[in-house]
N, C-alpha and C. Protein backbone atom coordinates (compact mmCIF):
# COMPACT_ATOMS: atom_id res chain seq x y z
N UNK A 1 100.83 64.69 97.72
CA UNK A 1 99.58 65.01 98.39
C UNK A 1 99.85 65.18 99.87
N UNK A 2 99.72 66.41 100.40
CA UNK A 2 99.94 66.60 101.82
C UNK A 2 98.66 66.29 102.59
N UNK A 3 98.75 66.33 103.92
CA UNK A 3 97.62 65.91 104.75
C UNK A 3 96.39 66.79 104.55
N UNK A 4 96.61 68.09 104.39
CA UNK A 4 95.48 68.99 104.18
C UNK A 4 94.77 68.68 102.86
N UNK A 5 95.54 68.40 101.82
CA UNK A 5 94.95 68.05 100.53
C UNK A 5 94.19 66.73 100.62
N UNK A 6 94.72 65.80 101.41
CA UNK A 6 94.05 64.51 101.59
C UNK A 6 92.71 64.70 102.29
N UNK A 7 92.66 65.56 103.30
CA UNK A 7 91.40 65.81 104.01
C UNK A 7 90.37 66.44 103.08
N UNK A 8 90.82 67.32 102.19
CA UNK A 8 89.91 67.92 101.22
C UNK A 8 89.36 66.86 100.28
N UNK A 9 90.23 65.95 99.83
CA UNK A 9 89.80 64.88 98.94
C UNK A 9 88.78 63.98 99.62
N UNK A 10 89.01 63.68 100.90
CA UNK A 10 88.08 62.83 101.64
C UNK A 10 86.72 63.51 101.78
N UNK A 11 86.72 64.82 102.03
CA UNK A 11 85.47 65.56 102.15
C UNK A 11 84.69 65.53 100.84
N UNK A 12 85.39 65.68 99.73
CA UNK A 12 84.72 65.64 98.42
C UNK A 12 84.17 64.24 98.13
N UNK A 13 84.91 63.22 98.53
CA UNK A 13 84.52 61.85 98.24
C UNK A 13 83.32 61.40 99.07
N UNK A 14 83.26 61.86 100.33
CA UNK A 14 82.21 61.38 101.23
C UNK A 14 81.10 62.40 101.46
N UNK A 15 81.26 63.63 100.95
CA UNK A 15 80.21 64.62 101.07
C UNK A 15 80.19 65.37 102.39
N UNK A 16 81.19 65.18 103.23
CA UNK A 16 81.24 65.89 104.51
C UNK A 16 82.69 65.99 104.97
N UNK A 17 82.95 66.94 105.87
CA UNK A 17 84.31 67.14 106.37
C UNK A 17 84.79 65.92 107.15
N UNK A 18 86.09 65.77 107.25
CA UNK A 18 86.68 64.64 107.97
C UNK A 18 86.26 64.66 109.42
N UNK A 19 85.62 63.57 109.86
CA UNK A 19 85.20 63.47 111.26
C UNK A 19 86.43 63.20 112.12
N UNK A 20 86.60 63.98 113.18
CA UNK A 20 87.79 63.84 114.02
C UNK A 20 88.99 64.55 113.46
N UNK A 21 88.82 65.27 112.34
CA UNK A 21 89.95 65.90 111.68
C UNK A 21 90.59 67.02 112.46
N UNK A 22 89.83 67.68 113.35
CA UNK A 22 90.38 68.79 114.12
C UNK A 22 91.54 68.34 115.00
N UNK A 23 91.49 67.10 115.44
CA UNK A 23 92.55 66.60 116.33
C UNK A 23 93.87 66.44 115.60
N UNK A 24 93.86 66.53 114.26
CA UNK A 24 95.09 66.38 113.49
C UNK A 24 95.87 67.68 113.39
N UNK A 25 95.22 68.79 113.68
CA UNK A 25 95.86 70.09 113.51
C UNK A 25 96.16 70.79 114.85
N UNK A 26 95.45 70.42 115.89
CA UNK A 26 95.66 71.06 117.18
C UNK A 26 95.35 70.06 118.28
N UNK A 27 95.85 70.31 119.48
CA UNK A 27 95.60 69.41 120.60
C UNK A 27 94.10 69.32 120.86
N UNK A 28 93.62 68.11 120.95
CA UNK A 28 92.20 67.89 121.18
C UNK A 28 92.05 66.74 122.16
N UNK A 29 91.38 66.99 123.26
CA UNK A 29 91.19 65.97 124.28
C UNK A 29 89.77 65.45 124.20
N UNK A 30 89.57 64.42 123.38
CA UNK A 30 88.24 63.83 123.24
C UNK A 30 87.97 62.80 124.33
N UNK A 31 89.02 62.46 125.10
CA UNK A 31 88.86 61.46 126.15
C UNK A 31 89.06 60.06 125.61
N UNK A 32 89.69 59.21 126.39
CA UNK A 32 89.93 57.84 125.96
C UNK A 32 88.65 57.02 125.98
N UNK A 33 88.52 56.14 125.03
CA UNK A 33 87.33 55.30 124.95
C UNK A 33 87.42 54.19 125.99
N UNK A 34 86.27 53.88 126.60
CA UNK A 34 86.21 52.76 127.53
C UNK A 34 85.58 51.54 126.87
N UNK A 35 85.55 51.56 125.54
CA UNK A 35 84.99 50.47 124.74
C UNK A 35 86.06 49.99 123.78
N UNK A 36 87.00 49.17 124.23
CA UNK A 36 88.09 48.74 123.35
C UNK A 36 87.59 47.85 122.21
N UNK A 37 88.25 47.95 121.08
CA UNK A 37 87.90 47.12 119.94
C UNK A 37 88.53 45.73 120.12
N UNK A 38 87.77 44.70 119.83
CA UNK A 38 88.28 43.34 119.91
C UNK A 38 89.04 43.00 118.64
N UNK A 39 89.78 41.90 118.68
CA UNK A 39 90.50 41.46 117.48
C UNK A 39 89.52 41.12 116.37
N UNK A 40 88.34 40.65 116.73
CA UNK A 40 87.30 40.36 115.74
C UNK A 40 86.79 41.64 115.09
N UNK A 41 86.65 42.70 115.89
CA UNK A 41 86.25 44.01 115.34
C UNK A 41 87.28 44.50 114.33
N UNK A 42 88.56 44.40 114.68
CA UNK A 42 89.62 44.86 113.79
C UNK A 42 89.63 44.05 112.50
N UNK A 43 89.41 42.74 112.62
CA UNK A 43 89.35 41.89 111.44
C UNK A 43 88.18 42.31 110.54
N UNK A 44 87.05 42.59 111.15
CA UNK A 44 85.88 43.03 110.38
C UNK A 44 86.15 44.36 109.68
N UNK A 45 86.81 45.29 110.38
CA UNK A 45 87.15 46.58 109.77
C UNK A 45 88.16 46.41 108.65
N UNK A 46 89.09 45.48 108.82
CA UNK A 46 90.06 45.21 107.75
C UNK A 46 89.35 44.73 106.48
N UNK A 47 88.39 43.82 106.65
CA UNK A 47 87.68 43.29 105.49
C UNK A 47 86.80 44.36 104.84
N UNK A 48 86.20 45.20 105.66
CA UNK A 48 85.41 46.30 105.11
C UNK A 48 86.29 47.25 104.31
N UNK A 49 87.43 47.62 104.89
CA UNK A 49 88.35 48.54 104.21
C UNK A 49 88.90 47.93 102.93
N UNK A 50 89.17 46.63 102.95
CA UNK A 50 89.68 45.96 101.77
C UNK A 50 88.65 45.92 100.65
N UNK A 51 87.37 45.90 101.02
CA UNK A 51 86.31 45.95 100.00
C UNK A 51 86.27 47.33 99.35
N UNK A 52 86.55 48.37 100.14
CA UNK A 52 86.57 49.73 99.62
C UNK A 52 87.83 49.97 98.78
N UNK A 53 88.98 49.53 99.30
CA UNK A 53 90.27 49.69 98.60
C UNK A 53 90.94 48.32 98.48
N UNK A 54 90.52 47.53 97.50
CA UNK A 54 91.06 46.17 97.37
C UNK A 54 92.47 46.15 96.77
N UNK A 55 93.16 45.08 97.04
CA UNK A 55 94.48 44.87 96.42
C UNK A 55 94.30 44.57 94.94
N UNK A 56 95.06 45.25 94.11
CA UNK A 56 95.07 44.99 92.67
C UNK A 56 96.53 44.77 92.29
N UNK A 57 97.05 45.59 91.37
CA UNK A 57 98.49 45.55 91.11
C UNK A 57 99.23 46.43 92.10
N UNK A 58 98.48 47.07 92.99
CA UNK A 58 99.05 47.85 94.09
C UNK A 58 98.46 47.34 95.39
N UNK A 59 99.07 47.65 96.53
CA UNK A 59 98.57 47.14 97.81
C UNK A 59 97.14 47.60 98.11
N UNK A 60 96.44 46.82 98.93
CA UNK A 60 95.10 47.16 99.36
C UNK A 60 95.09 47.63 100.80
N UNK A 61 93.89 47.89 101.32
CA UNK A 61 93.76 48.43 102.68
C UNK A 61 94.29 47.49 103.74
N UNK A 62 94.12 46.18 103.56
CA UNK A 62 94.62 45.22 104.56
C UNK A 62 96.13 45.24 104.62
N UNK A 63 96.78 45.48 103.49
CA UNK A 63 98.25 45.56 103.48
C UNK A 63 98.74 46.72 104.33
N UNK A 64 97.90 47.75 104.45
CA UNK A 64 98.28 48.94 105.23
C UNK A 64 97.83 48.85 106.69
N UNK A 65 97.15 47.76 107.06
CA UNK A 65 96.67 47.63 108.44
C UNK A 65 95.62 48.67 108.79
N UNK A 66 94.72 48.95 107.84
CA UNK A 66 93.74 50.01 108.04
C UNK A 66 92.76 49.69 109.16
N UNK A 67 92.42 48.41 109.36
CA UNK A 67 91.50 48.06 110.44
C UNK A 67 92.00 48.48 111.80
N UNK A 68 93.28 48.21 112.07
CA UNK A 68 93.88 48.61 113.34
C UNK A 68 93.95 50.13 113.46
N UNK A 69 94.25 50.80 112.33
CA UNK A 69 94.27 52.26 112.33
C UNK A 69 92.91 52.83 112.68
N UNK A 70 91.85 52.27 112.10
CA UNK A 70 90.50 52.75 112.41
C UNK A 70 90.20 52.66 113.90
N UNK A 71 90.51 51.50 114.48
CA UNK A 71 90.23 51.29 115.90
C UNK A 71 90.96 52.31 116.76
N UNK A 72 92.22 52.59 116.42
CA UNK A 72 93.01 53.55 117.18
C UNK A 72 92.47 54.97 117.01
N UNK A 73 92.13 55.34 115.78
CA UNK A 73 91.65 56.70 115.51
C UNK A 73 90.32 56.94 116.20
N UNK A 74 89.41 55.99 116.12
CA UNK A 74 88.10 56.15 116.78
C UNK A 74 88.28 56.28 118.29
N UNK A 75 89.15 55.47 118.86
CA UNK A 75 89.36 55.48 120.31
C UNK A 75 90.00 56.77 120.80
N UNK A 76 90.92 57.34 119.99
CA UNK A 76 91.71 58.49 120.44
C UNK A 76 91.22 59.83 119.92
N UNK A 77 90.54 59.86 118.79
CA UNK A 77 90.24 61.14 118.14
C UNK A 77 88.74 61.47 118.05
N UNK A 78 87.88 60.48 118.13
CA UNK A 78 86.45 60.74 118.05
C UNK A 78 85.90 61.20 119.39
N UNK A 79 84.85 62.00 119.33
CA UNK A 79 84.14 62.37 120.56
C UNK A 79 83.29 61.19 121.01
N UNK A 80 82.83 61.18 122.26
CA UNK A 80 81.98 60.06 122.71
C UNK A 80 80.76 59.82 121.83
N UNK A 81 80.09 60.89 121.39
CA UNK A 81 78.90 60.70 120.54
C UNK A 81 79.28 60.14 119.18
N UNK A 82 80.43 60.55 118.64
CA UNK A 82 80.89 60.01 117.36
C UNK A 82 81.26 58.54 117.49
N UNK A 83 81.88 58.19 118.62
CA UNK A 83 82.21 56.78 118.85
C UNK A 83 80.96 55.92 118.89
N UNK A 84 79.91 56.43 119.54
CA UNK A 84 78.68 55.66 119.62
C UNK A 84 78.11 55.38 118.23
N UNK A 85 78.20 56.38 117.35
CA UNK A 85 77.74 56.17 115.97
C UNK A 85 78.57 55.08 115.31
N UNK A 86 79.87 55.10 115.52
CA UNK A 86 80.76 54.11 114.88
C UNK A 86 80.48 52.71 115.43
N UNK A 87 80.33 52.59 116.76
CA UNK A 87 80.02 51.29 117.35
C UNK A 87 78.68 50.76 116.81
N UNK A 88 77.71 51.66 116.71
CA UNK A 88 76.41 51.29 116.15
C UNK A 88 76.58 50.80 114.71
N UNK A 89 77.47 51.46 113.97
CA UNK A 89 77.71 51.07 112.59
C UNK A 89 78.29 49.67 112.47
N UNK A 90 79.20 49.32 113.38
CA UNK A 90 79.75 47.96 113.35
C UNK A 90 78.66 46.92 113.57
N UNK A 91 77.78 47.20 114.52
CA UNK A 91 76.67 46.29 114.78
C UNK A 91 75.72 46.23 113.58
N UNK A 92 75.47 47.39 112.96
CA UNK A 92 74.59 47.43 111.80
C UNK A 92 75.18 46.69 110.61
N UNK A 93 76.50 46.76 110.47
CA UNK A 93 77.16 46.05 109.38
C UNK A 93 76.85 44.56 109.46
N UNK A 94 76.92 44.02 110.68
CA UNK A 94 76.61 42.60 110.86
C UNK A 94 75.12 42.33 110.68
N UNK A 95 74.29 43.22 111.23
CA UNK A 95 72.84 43.02 111.13
C UNK A 95 72.37 43.07 109.67
N UNK A 96 72.89 44.03 108.92
CA UNK A 96 72.50 44.16 107.52
C UNK A 96 73.01 42.96 106.71
N UNK A 97 74.19 42.47 107.04
CA UNK A 97 74.75 41.32 106.36
C UNK A 97 73.90 40.07 106.60
N UNK A 98 73.52 39.85 107.84
CA UNK A 98 72.69 38.68 108.16
C UNK A 98 71.30 38.80 107.53
N UNK A 99 70.75 40.01 107.54
CA UNK A 99 69.42 40.21 106.98
C UNK A 99 69.40 39.94 105.48
N UNK A 100 70.44 40.35 104.79
CA UNK A 100 70.48 40.22 103.33
C UNK A 100 71.00 38.87 102.86
N UNK A 101 71.98 38.32 103.60
CA UNK A 101 72.66 37.12 103.10
C UNK A 101 72.71 35.96 104.10
N UNK A 102 72.17 36.19 105.30
CA UNK A 102 72.14 35.16 106.35
C UNK A 102 73.53 34.69 106.76
N UNK A 103 74.50 35.60 106.65
CA UNK A 103 75.87 35.28 107.06
C UNK A 103 76.53 36.53 107.63
N UNK A 104 77.57 36.32 108.45
CA UNK A 104 78.35 37.45 108.96
C UNK A 104 79.06 38.13 107.80
N UNK A 105 79.41 39.39 108.00
CA UNK A 105 80.07 40.15 106.94
C UNK A 105 81.35 39.49 106.48
N UNK A 106 82.14 38.98 107.42
CA UNK A 106 83.42 38.37 107.08
C UNK A 106 83.22 37.13 106.21
N UNK A 107 82.08 36.45 106.36
CA UNK A 107 81.82 35.22 105.60
C UNK A 107 81.24 35.49 104.22
N UNK A 108 80.95 36.74 103.89
CA UNK A 108 80.37 37.06 102.60
C UNK A 108 81.40 36.92 101.48
N UNK A 109 80.91 36.68 100.28
CA UNK A 109 81.79 36.69 99.12
C UNK A 109 82.16 38.13 98.78
N UNK A 110 83.17 38.29 97.94
CA UNK A 110 83.57 39.64 97.56
C UNK A 110 82.45 40.40 96.88
N UNK A 111 81.69 39.71 96.05
CA UNK A 111 80.58 40.35 95.35
C UNK A 111 79.49 40.79 96.32
N UNK A 112 79.19 39.95 97.31
CA UNK A 112 78.17 40.30 98.30
C UNK A 112 78.61 41.49 99.16
N UNK A 113 79.86 41.49 99.54
CA UNK A 113 80.37 42.63 100.33
C UNK A 113 80.25 43.92 99.53
N UNK A 114 80.60 43.86 98.26
CA UNK A 114 80.54 45.05 97.43
C UNK A 114 79.11 45.54 97.28
N UNK A 115 78.16 44.63 97.11
CA UNK A 115 76.75 45.01 97.02
C UNK A 115 76.30 45.71 98.29
N UNK A 116 76.70 45.16 99.44
CA UNK A 116 76.27 45.73 100.72
C UNK A 116 76.85 47.11 100.95
N UNK A 117 78.16 47.28 100.73
CA UNK A 117 78.75 48.59 101.01
C UNK A 117 78.34 49.63 99.96
N UNK A 118 77.98 49.18 98.75
CA UNK A 118 77.46 50.12 97.75
C UNK A 118 76.13 50.69 98.22
N UNK A 119 75.30 49.83 98.80
CA UNK A 119 74.01 50.29 99.35
C UNK A 119 74.24 51.23 100.53
N UNK A 120 75.18 50.89 101.41
CA UNK A 120 75.48 51.74 102.55
C UNK A 120 76.05 53.09 102.10
N UNK A 121 76.86 53.07 101.05
CA UNK A 121 77.44 54.30 100.54
C UNK A 121 76.35 55.24 100.01
N UNK A 122 75.35 54.68 99.33
CA UNK A 122 74.24 55.49 98.84
C UNK A 122 73.48 56.12 100.01
N UNK A 123 73.25 55.33 101.05
CA UNK A 123 72.55 55.85 102.23
C UNK A 123 73.36 56.96 102.90
N UNK A 124 74.67 56.77 102.99
CA UNK A 124 75.53 57.76 103.64
C UNK A 124 75.56 59.07 102.86
N UNK A 125 75.63 59.00 101.54
CA UNK A 125 75.63 60.21 100.73
C UNK A 125 74.30 60.94 100.82
N UNK A 126 73.19 60.19 100.85
CA UNK A 126 71.87 60.81 101.00
C UNK A 126 71.76 61.50 102.36
N UNK A 127 72.33 60.87 103.39
CA UNK A 127 72.32 61.45 104.73
C UNK A 127 73.12 62.75 104.76
N UNK A 128 74.29 62.76 104.11
CA UNK A 128 75.13 63.96 104.07
C UNK A 128 74.43 65.09 103.31
N UNK A 129 73.76 64.75 102.22
CA UNK A 129 73.04 65.77 101.45
C UNK A 129 71.87 66.34 102.24
N UNK A 130 71.19 65.48 102.99
CA UNK A 130 70.09 65.95 103.82
C UNK A 130 70.59 66.90 104.91
N UNK A 131 71.72 66.57 105.51
CA UNK A 131 72.31 67.45 106.53
C UNK A 131 72.72 68.79 105.92
N UNK A 132 73.28 68.76 104.72
CA UNK A 132 73.71 70.00 104.07
C UNK A 132 72.51 70.90 103.80
N UNK A 133 71.40 70.31 103.38
CA UNK A 133 70.19 71.12 103.13
C UNK A 133 69.64 71.69 104.43
N UNK A 134 69.73 70.91 105.51
CA UNK A 134 69.23 71.37 106.80
C UNK A 134 70.04 72.55 107.33
N UNK A 135 71.34 72.55 107.01
CA UNK A 135 72.22 73.60 107.52
C UNK A 135 72.13 74.88 106.72
N UNK A 136 71.45 74.87 105.58
CA UNK A 136 71.30 76.08 104.76
C UNK A 136 69.97 76.75 105.10
N UNK A 137 69.99 77.90 105.79
CA UNK A 137 68.75 78.55 106.20
C UNK A 137 68.01 79.18 105.02
N UNK A 138 66.70 79.26 105.15
CA UNK A 138 65.90 79.96 104.14
C UNK A 138 66.05 81.46 104.34
N UNK A 139 65.69 82.28 103.35
CA UNK A 139 65.76 83.73 103.53
C UNK A 139 65.02 84.21 104.76
N UNK A 140 63.86 83.63 105.05
CA UNK A 140 63.10 84.03 106.24
C UNK A 140 63.86 83.71 107.51
N UNK A 141 64.51 82.54 107.53
CA UNK A 141 65.29 82.15 108.71
C UNK A 141 66.49 83.07 108.89
N UNK A 142 67.13 83.46 107.78
CA UNK A 142 68.26 84.37 107.86
C UNK A 142 67.83 85.72 108.42
N UNK A 143 66.67 86.20 107.97
CA UNK A 143 66.17 87.48 108.46
C UNK A 143 65.86 87.41 109.95
N UNK A 144 65.27 86.31 110.36
CA UNK A 144 64.97 86.13 111.78
C UNK A 144 66.24 86.10 112.61
N UNK A 145 67.26 85.41 112.08
CA UNK A 145 68.52 85.31 112.81
C UNK A 145 69.19 86.67 112.94
N UNK A 146 69.09 87.49 111.90
CA UNK A 146 69.73 88.80 111.92
C UNK A 146 69.04 89.74 112.91
N UNK A 147 67.73 89.65 113.04
CA UNK A 147 66.99 90.58 113.90
C UNK A 147 66.89 90.11 115.34
N UNK A 148 67.21 88.86 115.54
CA UNK A 148 67.11 88.33 116.90
C UNK A 148 68.29 88.83 117.74
N UNK A 149 68.05 89.30 118.92
CA UNK A 149 69.10 89.83 119.78
C UNK A 149 69.47 88.83 120.86
N UNK A 150 70.66 89.05 121.40
CA UNK A 150 71.13 88.14 122.44
C UNK A 150 70.24 88.20 123.68
N UNK A 151 69.59 89.35 123.92
CA UNK A 151 68.75 89.48 125.11
C UNK A 151 67.53 88.58 125.05
N UNK A 152 67.14 88.15 123.86
CA UNK A 152 65.94 87.32 123.73
C UNK A 152 66.23 85.84 123.91
N UNK A 153 67.49 85.52 124.14
CA UNK A 153 67.87 84.12 124.30
C UNK A 153 68.47 83.91 125.68
N UNK A 154 67.98 82.95 126.38
CA UNK A 154 68.55 82.61 127.69
C UNK A 154 69.67 81.61 127.48
N UNK A 155 70.52 81.48 128.47
CA UNK A 155 71.62 80.54 128.38
C UNK A 155 71.09 79.11 128.25
N UNK A 156 69.96 78.82 128.87
CA UNK A 156 69.38 77.49 128.80
C UNK A 156 68.91 77.16 127.39
N UNK A 157 68.29 78.13 126.73
CA UNK A 157 67.83 77.93 125.36
C UNK A 157 68.99 77.70 124.41
N UNK A 158 70.04 78.50 124.57
CA UNK A 158 71.22 78.35 123.72
C UNK A 158 71.86 76.98 123.90
N UNK A 159 71.95 76.53 125.16
CA UNK A 159 72.58 75.25 125.43
C UNK A 159 71.79 74.10 124.80
N UNK A 160 70.46 74.13 124.96
CA UNK A 160 69.64 73.07 124.40
C UNK A 160 69.69 73.08 122.88
N UNK A 161 69.76 74.27 122.27
CA UNK A 161 69.83 74.36 120.82
C UNK A 161 71.14 73.82 120.30
N UNK A 162 72.25 74.15 121.00
CA UNK A 162 73.55 73.64 120.59
C UNK A 162 73.58 72.13 120.67
N UNK A 163 72.95 71.58 121.73
CA UNK A 163 72.91 70.13 121.88
C UNK A 163 72.12 69.49 120.72
N UNK A 164 70.98 70.09 120.38
CA UNK A 164 70.16 69.58 119.29
C UNK A 164 70.91 69.64 117.97
N UNK A 165 71.61 70.76 117.74
CA UNK A 165 72.37 70.91 116.50
C UNK A 165 73.46 69.86 116.40
N UNK A 166 74.14 69.61 117.54
CA UNK A 166 75.24 68.64 117.51
C UNK A 166 74.71 67.24 117.25
N UNK A 167 73.54 66.91 117.79
CA UNK A 167 72.96 65.60 117.55
C UNK A 167 72.56 65.45 116.09
N UNK A 168 71.98 66.49 115.51
CA UNK A 168 71.57 66.45 114.12
C UNK A 168 72.78 66.34 113.19
N UNK A 169 73.92 66.88 113.63
CA UNK A 169 75.10 66.93 112.77
C UNK A 169 75.87 65.62 112.73
N UNK A 170 75.49 64.64 113.53
CA UNK A 170 76.21 63.37 113.54
C UNK A 170 76.12 62.70 112.18
N UNK A 171 77.24 62.21 111.68
CA UNK A 171 77.27 61.63 110.33
C UNK A 171 76.74 60.20 110.30
N UNK A 172 76.56 59.70 109.10
CA UNK A 172 76.22 58.29 108.91
C UNK A 172 77.46 57.47 109.23
N UNK A 173 77.26 56.30 109.83
CA UNK A 173 78.40 55.49 110.24
C UNK A 173 79.27 55.05 109.07
N UNK A 174 78.68 54.82 107.89
CA UNK A 174 79.51 54.39 106.77
C UNK A 174 80.41 55.52 106.28
N UNK A 175 79.95 56.77 106.44
CA UNK A 175 80.81 57.90 106.10
C UNK A 175 82.09 57.85 106.92
N UNK A 176 81.95 57.57 108.21
CA UNK A 176 83.12 57.45 109.09
C UNK A 176 84.05 56.34 108.61
N UNK A 177 83.48 55.19 108.31
CA UNK A 177 84.29 54.04 107.90
C UNK A 177 85.01 54.30 106.59
N UNK A 178 84.33 54.93 105.65
CA UNK A 178 84.95 55.22 104.36
C UNK A 178 86.05 56.27 104.51
N UNK A 179 85.80 57.30 105.32
CA UNK A 179 86.81 58.33 105.54
C UNK A 179 88.06 57.73 106.16
N UNK A 180 87.88 56.90 107.19
CA UNK A 180 89.04 56.33 107.87
C UNK A 180 89.79 55.35 106.98
N UNK A 181 89.08 54.67 106.10
CA UNK A 181 89.75 53.79 105.14
C UNK A 181 90.68 54.59 104.24
N UNK A 182 90.17 55.67 103.67
CA UNK A 182 90.97 56.50 102.78
C UNK A 182 92.13 57.16 103.52
N UNK A 183 91.84 57.74 104.67
CA UNK A 183 92.87 58.45 105.42
C UNK A 183 93.95 57.48 105.92
N UNK A 184 93.50 56.35 106.47
CA UNK A 184 94.45 55.38 107.00
C UNK A 184 95.35 54.81 105.91
N UNK A 185 94.78 54.54 104.74
CA UNK A 185 95.57 53.95 103.67
C UNK A 185 96.58 54.92 103.08
N UNK A 186 96.12 56.12 102.73
CA UNK A 186 97.01 57.05 102.03
C UNK A 186 98.04 57.72 102.94
N UNK A 187 97.90 57.57 104.25
CA UNK A 187 98.93 58.06 105.17
C UNK A 187 99.80 56.92 105.69
N UNK A 188 99.54 55.69 105.25
CA UNK A 188 100.35 54.55 105.66
C UNK A 188 101.63 54.49 104.82
N UNK A 189 102.56 53.67 105.25
CA UNK A 189 103.82 53.54 104.50
C UNK A 189 103.57 52.95 103.11
N UNK A 190 102.77 51.89 103.04
CA UNK A 190 102.55 51.27 101.73
C UNK A 190 101.74 52.19 100.81
N UNK A 191 100.77 52.91 101.38
CA UNK A 191 99.97 53.82 100.57
C UNK A 191 100.80 54.97 100.04
N UNK A 192 101.69 55.49 100.88
CA UNK A 192 102.50 56.65 100.49
C UNK A 192 103.63 56.29 99.54
N UNK A 193 104.20 55.09 99.71
CA UNK A 193 105.38 54.75 98.92
C UNK A 193 105.09 53.86 97.72
N UNK A 194 104.00 53.07 97.76
CA UNK A 194 103.73 52.13 96.68
C UNK A 194 102.54 52.53 95.82
N UNK A 195 101.73 53.49 96.28
CA UNK A 195 100.60 53.96 95.49
C UNK A 195 100.81 55.42 95.09
N UNK A 196 101.13 56.26 96.07
CA UNK A 196 101.52 57.64 95.78
C UNK A 196 103.03 57.68 95.52
N UNK A 197 103.52 58.82 95.12
CA UNK A 197 104.97 59.00 94.97
C UNK A 197 105.51 59.64 96.24
N UNK A 198 106.58 59.09 96.75
CA UNK A 198 107.11 59.55 98.03
C UNK A 198 108.56 59.98 97.89
N UNK A 199 108.85 61.13 98.45
CA UNK A 199 110.23 61.62 98.52
C UNK A 199 110.40 62.24 99.90
N UNK A 200 111.22 61.58 100.74
CA UNK A 200 111.35 62.00 102.13
C UNK A 200 111.77 63.45 102.27
N UNK A 201 112.70 63.87 101.43
CA UNK A 201 113.15 65.27 101.43
C UNK A 201 112.96 65.81 100.02
N UNK A 202 111.83 66.50 99.76
CA UNK A 202 111.57 66.99 98.39
C UNK A 202 112.71 67.85 97.87
N UNK A 203 112.96 67.74 96.58
CA UNK A 203 114.06 68.47 95.96
C UNK A 203 113.71 69.91 95.64
N UNK A 204 114.42 70.47 94.66
CA UNK A 204 114.25 71.87 94.33
C UNK A 204 112.87 72.13 93.72
N UNK A 205 112.47 73.37 93.78
CA UNK A 205 111.18 73.77 93.22
C UNK A 205 111.28 73.89 91.70
N UNK A 206 110.36 73.26 91.01
CA UNK A 206 110.28 73.37 89.56
C UNK A 206 108.90 73.91 89.22
N UNK A 207 108.85 75.17 88.81
CA UNK A 207 107.57 75.82 88.59
C UNK A 207 106.81 75.32 87.39
N UNK A 208 107.50 74.77 86.42
CA UNK A 208 106.83 74.28 85.20
C UNK A 208 107.47 72.94 84.83
N UNK A 209 106.83 71.86 85.24
CA UNK A 209 107.38 70.53 84.99
C UNK A 209 106.40 69.74 84.14
N UNK A 210 106.87 68.90 83.25
CA UNK A 210 105.97 68.09 82.41
C UNK A 210 105.21 67.07 83.25
N UNK A 211 103.96 66.83 82.89
CA UNK A 211 103.13 65.85 83.59
C UNK A 211 102.87 64.68 82.66
N UNK A 212 103.26 63.49 83.11
CA UNK A 212 103.14 62.30 82.27
C UNK A 212 102.15 61.29 82.83
N UNK A 213 101.22 61.75 83.67
CA UNK A 213 100.21 60.86 84.21
C UNK A 213 100.64 60.07 85.43
N UNK A 214 101.73 60.49 86.10
CA UNK A 214 102.19 59.78 87.28
C UNK A 214 101.22 59.97 88.44
N UNK A 215 101.27 59.09 89.48
CA UNK A 215 100.41 59.27 90.66
C UNK A 215 100.74 60.57 91.37
N UNK A 216 99.83 61.02 92.24
CA UNK A 216 100.07 62.21 93.04
C UNK A 216 101.19 61.94 94.03
N UNK A 217 101.84 63.01 94.50
CA UNK A 217 102.91 62.89 95.47
C UNK A 217 102.34 62.62 96.87
N UNK A 218 103.02 61.80 97.65
CA UNK A 218 102.64 61.57 99.05
C UNK A 218 103.20 62.65 99.94
N UNK A 219 104.25 63.36 99.48
CA UNK A 219 104.88 64.40 100.30
C UNK A 219 104.86 65.72 99.54
């Protein structure tokens, strides 16, 4: 599984394209974050990621250090507005945990954590579906867009519309967390070598090879 295939899988799993994914293919200067993640934040992200990808007979998200990866990716690859959504999500994770169980997320049992993130996942998917419907114009809107000329739009109107569109396009915070969990794990050493199949230098091309149910390739 190469990186492009992984991004496609993440988009299918979460209902939206990889947030911050453009920075993986070309130089992108989103600016450094002035809101560093604390060790407590990283621990909380590790526990969240482990709930999504728990250790079984193969390594889990904590084994791959996904919490630290999330903090680094958000700080270096997210735009300021995307970071704000993620920071808000961390606060909401704690608020929702206390509201439902009267305890911090880290103090929850495995079953309680799973219940909470299952609810958040449903909300995130509904949010992504709502955004997808909003981005699909009606026939009347398409006709209006086709007949509208550039002369009828001022630079100020265009700028304000672009700003509104960008605000509407912001994802649900759990979508970000789930995407980074998947991306961080499957691009880590343990994810690539102990869950996927890894070959540092792939061998010769075999156009027709038998498939025996093995995991996907990491390379």
